[in-house]
Amino acid sequence: MTRLFDVVQVVVDIPEEGLRSGMTGTVVDLYENPPAYEVEFSDTEGHTLALLALRPEQIRRVSQG
């Protein structure tokens, strides 16, 4: 089960957001119905690259937050 502040990896390309499969982000919010996760993707300096809601099948947990 993915939780708040877990690090996740996107498993599909999302070109309209500039995301490629394998990029990692942090879960910053949880949605119940339908289930989804708000994930923030940042660069090495902490600047946000993308912030979007993803369905469970679009991500996999890498580590617990």
Protein backbone atom coordinates (compact mmCIF):
# COMPACT_ATOMS: atom_id res chain seq x y z
CA MET A 1 0.00 0.00 0.00
CA THR A 2 1.38 3.39 -1.01
CA ARG A 3 1.25 6.10 1.67
CA LEU A 4 1.90 9.79 2.10
CA PHE A 5 5.57 10.74 1.52
CA ASP A 6 6.48 7.40 -0.07
CA VAL A 7 8.91 7.61 -2.97
CA VAL A 8 7.37 6.16 -6.12
CA GLN A 9 8.48 5.50 -9.67
CA VAL A 10 6.26 6.24 -12.63
CA VAL A 11 5.96 3.11 -14.80
CA VAL A 12 4.57 4.76 -17.95
CA ASP A 13 5.64 7.72 -20.06
CA ILE A 14 3.52 10.84 -19.57
CA PRO A 15 4.93 13.09 -22.31
CA GLU A 16 2.49 15.96 -21.77
CA GLU A 17 4.02 16.38 -18.28
CA GLY A 18 7.60 15.71 -19.39
CA LEU A 19 7.74 12.43 -17.42
CA ARG A 20 9.41 9.25 -18.59
CA SER A 21 9.00 5.78 -17.18
CA GLY A 22 11.48 5.29 -14.34
CA MET A 23 11.39 8.84 -12.98
CA THR A 24 10.87 9.06 -9.22
CA GLY A 25 8.66 11.37 -7.20
CA THR A 26 7.12 11.77 -3.76
CA VAL A 27 3.49 11.16 -2.82
CA VAL A 28 2.16 14.44 -1.37
CA ASP A 29 -1.58 13.69 -1.20
CA LEU A 30 -3.94 10.72 -1.32
CA TYR A 31 -7.35 10.47 -3.00
CA GLU A 32 -9.90 7.84 -2.11
CA ASN A 33 -12.55 7.80 -4.81
CA PRO A 34 -11.30 6.97 -7.33
CA PRO A 35 -8.01 5.92 -5.76
CA ALA A 36 -5.14 8.14 -6.89
CA TYR A 37 -1.94 9.69 -5.60
CA GLU A 38 -0.78 13.28 -6.00
CA VAL A 39 2.90 12.93 -6.84
CA GLU A 40 5.53 15.67 -6.98
CA PHE A 41 8.51 15.18 -9.28
CA SER A 42 11.51 17.44 -8.56
CA ASP A 43 14.95 18.09 -9.99
CA THR A 44 18.18 17.66 -8.02
CA GLU A 45 17.87 21.22 -6.66
CA GLY A 46 14.33 20.68 -5.35
CA HIS A 47 12.49 22.60 -8.07
CA THR A 48 9.17 21.03 -9.01
CA LEU A 49 9.15 19.50 -12.49
CA ALA A 50 5.60 18.14 -12.33
CA LEU A 51 2.79 17.77 -9.82
CA LEU A 52 -0.07 15.53 -10.83
CA ALA A 53 -2.52 12.86 -9.72
CA LEU A 54 -1.62 9.35 -10.84
CA ARG A 55 -3.60 6.12 -10.72
CA PRO A 56 -2.18 3.17 -8.75
CA GLU A 57 -1.30 1.29 -11.95
CA GLN A 58 0.86 4.20 -13.16
CA ILE A 59 3.30 4.01 -10.23
CA ARG A 60 5.19 1.59 -8.04
CA ARG A 61 6.56 2.26 -4.57
CA VAL A 62 10.33 2.51 -4.33
CA SER A 63 10.68 3.33 -0.62
CA GLN A 64 8.59 4.33 2.35
CA GLY A 65 8.49 7.97 3.39
